Amino acid sequence: MPVEVVATDEFVAWYNGLDEATSDDVDVTVGVLESQGVALGAPRSSDIKGASFALRELRLQSMARPFRIFYAFDPRRQAVLLIGGDKTGISDKRFYAQMIPLAERIWQEYLDENP
């Protein structure tokens, strides 16, 4: 079932810093999320282990580089894009140790501003 996808300011700032090829790949992946909604599963989407909220990640490769986009579904069932990151050259442990707290902060701010 299709869902509406919205983006936080943090996601938009990250997205605007991408090169054209990567932003095109992100657009395709977000389009799949939009069309499949909560039914989107592996390998394109998975839950974030260790997060205190029900956060998920979109997984994509662009020009042989692994990217992750953190997102969650709000009470209106919109997919909210929180922040993205490039995992190139970073261990999983270090990447998620940096990204989970950031995504959780952005998500909490979103929820506070959109009750």
N, C-alpha and C. Protein backbone atom coordinates (compact mmCIF):
# COMPACT_ATOMS: atom_id res chain seq x y z
N MET A 1 0.84 -1.18 0.00
CA MET A 1 0.00 0.00 0.00
C MET A 1 0.89 1.24 0.00
N PRO A 2 0.67 2.15 -0.92
CA PRO A 2 1.50 3.37 -1.00
C PRO A 2 1.38 4.23 0.26
N VAL A 3 2.46 4.94 0.55
CA VAL A 3 2.47 5.87 1.67
C VAL A 3 3.00 7.22 1.21
N GLU A 4 2.65 8.24 1.96
CA GLU A 4 3.23 9.55 1.72
C GLU A 4 4.60 9.58 2.39
N VAL A 5 5.57 10.13 1.69
CA VAL A 5 6.92 10.26 2.23
C VAL A 5 7.20 11.74 2.48
N VAL A 6 7.64 12.05 3.69
CA VAL A 6 8.02 13.42 4.03
C VAL A 6 9.46 13.39 4.53
N ALA A 7 10.11 14.54 4.49
CA ALA A 7 11.52 14.61 4.88
C ALA A 7 11.73 15.69 5.92
N THR A 8 12.64 15.43 6.83
CA THR A 8 13.03 16.42 7.82
C THR A 8 14.02 17.39 7.18
N ASP A 9 14.23 18.51 7.83
CA ASP A 9 15.21 19.48 7.34
C ASP A 9 16.61 18.86 7.29
N GLU A 10 16.92 18.01 8.26
CA GLU A 10 18.23 17.36 8.30
C GLU A 10 18.42 16.44 7.10
N PHE A 11 17.37 15.70 6.75
CA PHE A 11 17.46 14.84 5.58
C PHE A 11 17.65 15.68 4.32
N VAL A 12 16.87 16.74 4.18
CA VAL A 12 16.95 17.60 3.00
C VAL A 12 18.36 18.18 2.86
N ALA A 13 18.94 18.62 3.97
CA ALA A 13 20.30 19.18 3.92
C ALA A 13 21.29 18.11 3.47
N TRP A 14 21.16 16.90 3.99
CA TRP A 14 22.05 15.80 3.58
C TRP A 14 21.85 15.50 2.09
N TYR A 15 20.61 15.38 1.66
CA TYR A 15 20.27 15.07 0.28
C TYR A 15 20.82 16.13 -0.68
N ASN A 16 20.69 17.39 -0.30
CA ASN A 16 21.16 18.48 -1.16
C ASN A 16 22.68 18.47 -1.34
N GLY A 17 23.40 17.79 -0.46
CA GLY A 17 24.85 17.69 -0.57
C GLY A 17 25.34 16.52 -1.41
N LEU A 18 24.40 15.71 -1.92
CA LEU A 18 24.78 14.54 -2.71
C LEU A 18 25.09 14.92 -4.15
N ASP A 19 25.93 14.12 -4.79
CA ASP A 19 26.15 14.31 -6.22
C ASP A 19 24.91 13.82 -6.97
N GLU A 20 24.83 14.16 -8.25
CA GLU A 20 23.63 13.87 -9.04
C GLU A 20 23.34 12.37 -9.14
N ALA A 21 24.36 11.56 -9.37
CA ALA A 21 24.15 10.12 -9.50
C ALA A 21 23.60 9.52 -8.21
N THR A 22 24.16 9.94 -7.08
CA THR A 22 23.69 9.42 -5.80
C THR A 22 22.29 9.90 -5.50
N SER A 23 21.99 11.17 -5.75
CA SER A 23 20.63 11.67 -5.49
C SER A 23 19.62 10.94 -6.37
N ASP A 24 20.00 10.60 -7.61
CA ASP A 24 19.11 9.81 -8.47
C ASP A 24 18.85 8.43 -7.86
N ASP A 25 19.89 7.79 -7.32
CA ASP A 25 19.73 6.48 -6.69
C ASP A 25 18.87 6.58 -5.43
N VAL A 26 19.05 7.65 -4.67
CA VAL A 26 18.22 7.88 -3.49
C VAL A 26 16.76 8.05 -3.92
N ASP A 27 16.52 8.82 -4.98
CA ASP A 27 15.16 9.03 -5.47
C ASP A 27 14.48 7.71 -5.82
N VAL A 28 15.21 6.82 -6.48
CA VAL A 28 14.64 5.52 -6.85
C VAL A 28 14.27 4.73 -5.60
N THR A 29 15.18 4.69 -4.63
CA THR A 29 14.95 3.93 -3.41
C THR A 29 13.79 4.50 -2.61
N VAL A 30 13.72 5.81 -2.50
CA VAL A 30 12.61 6.45 -1.79
C VAL A 30 11.30 6.19 -2.54
N GLY A 31 11.35 6.15 -3.86
CA GLY A 31 10.17 5.82 -4.65
C GLY A 31 9.64 4.43 -4.36
N VAL A 32 10.55 3.48 -4.14
CA VAL A 32 10.14 2.13 -3.77
C VAL A 32 9.47 2.15 -2.39
N LEU A 33 10.01 2.89 -1.45
CA LEU A 33 9.38 3.04 -0.13
C LEU A 33 7.99 3.63 -0.29
N GLU A 34 7.88 4.66 -1.10
CA GLU A 34 6.59 5.32 -1.32
C GLU A 34 5.56 4.34 -1.89
N SER A 35 5.96 3.51 -2.81
CA SER A 35 5.01 2.59 -3.44
C SER A 35 4.69 1.36 -2.58
N GLN A 36 5.66 0.90 -1.78
CA GLN A 36 5.44 -0.33 -1.01
C GLN A 36 5.10 -0.08 0.45
N GLY A 37 5.44 1.09 0.97
CA GLY A 37 5.08 1.44 2.34
C GLY A 37 5.61 0.46 3.37
N VAL A 38 4.75 0.13 4.33
CA VAL A 38 5.18 -0.72 5.43
C VAL A 38 5.51 -2.14 4.99
N ALA A 39 5.10 -2.52 3.77
CA ALA A 39 5.40 -3.86 3.27
C ALA A 39 6.84 -3.98 2.76
N LEU A 40 7.55 -2.87 2.61
CA LEU A 40 8.92 -2.92 2.11
C LEU A 40 9.82 -3.62 3.13
N GLY A 41 10.48 -4.66 2.67
CA GLY A 41 11.35 -5.42 3.56
C GLY A 41 12.74 -5.58 2.98
N ALA A 42 13.45 -6.57 3.51
CA ALA A 42 14.81 -6.86 3.07
C ALA A 42 14.79 -7.23 1.60
N PRO A 43 15.81 -6.89 0.87
CA PRO A 43 17.06 -6.27 1.31
C PRO A 43 17.04 -4.75 1.29
N ARG A 44 15.96 -4.13 0.86
CA ARG A 44 15.93 -2.67 0.75
C ARG A 44 15.68 -1.94 2.07
N SER A 45 15.06 -2.62 3.03
CA SER A 45 14.72 -1.96 4.29
C SER A 45 14.85 -2.95 5.44
N SER A 46 15.24 -2.44 6.59
CA SER A 46 15.30 -3.28 7.79
C SER A 46 15.15 -2.41 9.02
N ASP A 47 14.83 -3.07 10.14
CA ASP A 47 14.72 -2.33 11.38
C ASP A 47 16.10 -2.03 11.93
N ILE A 48 16.17 -1.02 12.79
CA ILE A 48 17.44 -0.61 13.38
C ILE A 48 17.55 -1.24 14.77
N LYS A 49 18.43 -2.18 14.90
CA LYS A 49 18.64 -2.82 16.20
C LYS A 49 19.38 -1.85 17.12
N GLY A 50 18.96 -1.79 18.37
CA GLY A 50 19.61 -0.93 19.34
C GLY A 50 18.99 0.45 19.44
N ALA A 51 18.00 0.76 18.62
CA ALA A 51 17.34 2.06 18.69
C ALA A 51 16.22 1.99 19.72
N SER A 52 15.96 3.11 20.36
CA SER A 52 14.90 3.14 21.37
C SER A 52 13.53 3.44 20.75
N PHE A 53 13.50 3.77 19.47
CA PHE A 53 12.26 3.97 18.73
C PHE A 53 12.19 2.90 17.64
N ALA A 54 11.05 2.78 17.00
CA ALA A 54 10.89 1.83 15.89
C ALA A 54 11.43 2.46 14.60
N LEU A 55 12.74 2.64 14.57
CA LEU A 55 13.39 3.22 13.40
C LEU A 55 13.72 2.14 12.39
N ARG A 56 13.76 2.54 11.14
CA ARG A 56 14.11 1.64 10.05
C ARG A 56 15.18 2.30 9.19
N GLU A 57 15.77 1.54 8.31
CA GLU A 57 16.74 2.09 7.37
C GLU A 57 16.46 1.59 5.97
N LEU A 58 16.62 2.49 5.01
CA LEU A 58 16.65 2.12 3.60
C LEU A 58 18.10 1.84 3.25
N ARG A 59 18.33 0.78 2.52
CA ARG A 59 19.68 0.41 2.11
C ARG A 59 19.81 0.59 0.61
N LEU A 60 20.87 1.26 0.19
CA LEU A 60 21.12 1.40 -1.23
C LEU A 60 22.61 1.49 -1.50
N GLN A 61 22.95 1.17 -2.73
CA GLN A 61 24.31 1.30 -3.22
C GLN A 61 24.29 2.34 -4.32
N SER A 62 25.24 3.22 -4.31
CA SER A 62 25.38 4.19 -5.37
C SER A 62 26.85 4.30 -5.72
N MET A 63 27.18 4.02 -6.96
CA MET A 63 28.56 4.06 -7.43
C MET A 63 29.46 3.23 -6.50
N ALA A 64 28.98 2.04 -6.16
CA ALA A 64 29.69 1.06 -5.32
C ALA A 64 29.90 1.54 -3.89
N ARG A 65 29.13 2.53 -3.45
CA ARG A 65 29.21 3.02 -2.07
C ARG A 65 27.91 2.70 -1.36
N PRO A 66 28.00 2.17 -0.12
CA PRO A 66 26.79 1.84 0.63
C PRO A 66 26.23 3.08 1.36
N PHE A 67 24.97 3.34 1.13
CA PHE A 67 24.28 4.44 1.80
C PHE A 67 23.14 3.87 2.63
N ARG A 68 22.83 4.57 3.71
CA ARG A 68 21.69 4.21 4.56
C ARG A 68 20.88 5.46 4.81
N ILE A 69 19.56 5.30 4.77
CA ILE A 69 18.63 6.39 5.08
C ILE A 69 17.77 5.93 6.24
N PHE A 70 17.84 6.64 7.34
CA PHE A 70 17.05 6.32 8.52
C PHE A 70 15.67 6.95 8.37
N TYR A 71 14.65 6.18 8.72
CA TYR A 71 13.28 6.68 8.62
C TYR A 71 12.40 6.00 9.65
N ALA A 72 11.19 6.53 9.80
CA ALA A 72 10.21 5.94 10.70
C ALA A 72 8.82 6.31 10.18
N PHE A 73 7.83 5.57 10.65
CA PHE A 73 6.46 5.87 10.29
C PHE A 73 5.82 6.65 11.44
N ASP A 74 5.26 7.81 11.09
CA ASP A 74 4.62 8.63 12.12
C ASP A 74 3.20 8.14 12.39
N PRO A 75 2.51 8.73 13.37
CA PRO A 75 1.15 8.27 13.70
C PRO A 75 0.17 8.34 12.52
N ARG A 76 0.44 9.19 11.54
CA ARG A 76 -0.42 9.27 10.35
C ARG A 76 -0.01 8.25 9.29
N ARG A 77 0.98 7.42 9.61
CA ARG A 77 1.52 6.39 8.72
C ARG A 77 2.30 6.96 7.54
N GLN A 78 2.78 8.19 7.69
CA GLN A 78 3.69 8.75 6.70
C GLN A 78 5.09 8.20 6.99
N ALA A 79 5.84 7.98 5.94
CA ALA A 79 7.25 7.60 6.11
C ALA A 79 8.04 8.90 6.23
N VAL A 80 8.72 9.07 7.35
CA VAL A 80 9.47 10.29 7.62
C VAL A 80 10.96 10.01 7.45
N LEU A 81 11.57 10.62 6.44
CA LEU A 81 13.00 10.46 6.19
C LEU A 81 13.75 11.34 7.19
N LEU A 82 14.58 10.74 8.02
CA LEU A 82 15.23 11.46 9.11
C LEU A 82 16.61 11.99 8.72
N ILE A 83 17.47 11.09 8.27
CA ILE A 83 18.85 11.46 7.94
C ILE A 83 19.46 10.34 7.11
N GLY A 84 20.43 10.66 6.31
CA GLY A 84 21.12 9.65 5.52
C GLY A 84 22.60 9.67 5.83
N GLY A 85 23.27 8.61 5.42
CA GLY A 85 24.70 8.54 5.65
C GLY A 85 25.38 7.59 4.68
N ASP A 86 26.64 7.83 4.46
CA ASP A 86 27.50 7.02 3.59
C ASP A 86 28.35 6.14 4.49
N LYS A 87 28.22 4.82 4.34
CA LYS A 87 28.95 3.89 5.18
C LYS A 87 30.34 3.56 4.65
N THR A 88 30.73 4.13 3.55
CA THR A 88 32.01 3.79 2.94
C THR A 88 33.16 3.93 3.94
N GLY A 89 33.89 2.85 4.15
CA GLY A 89 35.08 2.88 4.99
C GLY A 89 34.82 2.98 6.49
N ILE A 90 33.58 2.81 6.91
CA ILE A 90 33.24 2.90 8.34
C ILE A 90 32.69 1.56 8.79
N SER A 91 33.15 1.08 9.92
CA SER A 91 32.63 -0.19 10.43
C SER A 91 31.16 -0.03 10.80
N ASP A 92 30.42 -1.14 10.76
CA ASP A 92 29.01 -1.09 11.15
C ASP A 92 28.85 -0.53 12.55
N LYS A 93 29.66 -1.02 13.47
CA LYS A 93 29.55 -0.60 14.87
C LYS A 93 29.71 0.92 14.99
N ARG A 94 30.73 1.47 14.37
CA ARG A 94 30.99 2.91 14.45
C ARG A 94 29.90 3.72 13.73
N PHE A 95 29.49 3.25 12.55
CA PHE A 95 28.46 3.96 11.79
C PHE A 95 27.17 4.07 12.60
N TYR A 96 26.71 2.94 13.12
CA TYR A 96 25.45 2.95 13.86
C TYR A 96 25.57 3.65 15.21
N ALA A 97 26.74 3.59 15.83
CA ALA A 97 26.95 4.32 17.09
C ALA A 97 26.81 5.82 16.87
N GLN A 98 27.19 6.31 15.69
CA GLN A 98 27.05 7.73 15.37
C GLN A 98 25.64 8.07 14.91
N MET A 99 25.07 7.22 14.07
CA MET A 99 23.83 7.54 13.39
C MET A 99 22.57 7.32 14.23
N ILE A 100 22.55 6.29 15.06
CA ILE A 100 21.34 6.01 15.83
C ILE A 100 20.99 7.18 16.75
N PRO A 101 21.91 7.69 17.56
CA PRO A 101 21.54 8.83 18.42
C PRO A 101 21.08 10.05 17.63
N LEU A 102 21.71 10.30 16.49
CA LEU A 102 21.32 11.42 15.65
C LEU A 102 19.90 11.21 15.12
N ALA A 103 19.61 10.03 14.58
CA ALA A 103 18.28 9.74 14.06
C ALA A 103 17.23 9.80 15.17
N GLU A 104 17.57 9.31 16.35
CA GLU A 104 16.62 9.35 17.48
C GLU A 104 16.32 10.79 17.89
N ARG A 105 17.33 11.64 17.90
CA ARG A 105 17.11 13.05 18.25
C ARG A 105 16.21 13.73 17.22
N ILE A 106 16.49 13.50 15.95
CA ILE A 106 15.69 14.10 14.88
C ILE A 106 14.25 13.59 14.96
N TRP A 107 14.08 12.30 15.21
CA TRP A 107 12.74 11.71 15.31
C TRP A 107 11.98 12.30 16.48
N GLN A 108 12.64 12.43 17.63
CA GLN A 108 11.96 13.01 18.80
C GLN A 108 11.55 14.45 18.52
N GLU A 109 12.41 15.22 17.87
CA GLU A 109 12.06 16.59 17.52
C GLU A 109 10.88 16.62 16.55
N TYR A 110 10.88 15.72 15.60
CA TYR A 110 9.75 15.64 14.65
C TYR A 110 8.45 15.35 15.40
N LEU A 111 8.47 14.36 16.30
CA LEU A 111 7.28 14.01 17.04
C LEU A 111 6.80 15.17 17.92
N ASP A 112 7.74 15.91 18.53
CA ASP A 112 7.37 17.05 19.37
C ASP A 112 6.72 18.16 18.54
N GLU A 113 7.18 18.33 17.31
CA GLU A 113 6.65 19.40 16.45
C GLU A 113 5.41 18.97 15.67
N ASN A 114 5.13 17.66 15.61
CA ASN A 114 4.00 17.14 14.83
C ASN A 114 3.19 16.16 15.67
N PRO A 115 2.53 16.69 16.69
CA PRO A 115 1.78 15.78 17.59
C PRO A 115 0.60 15.10 16.90
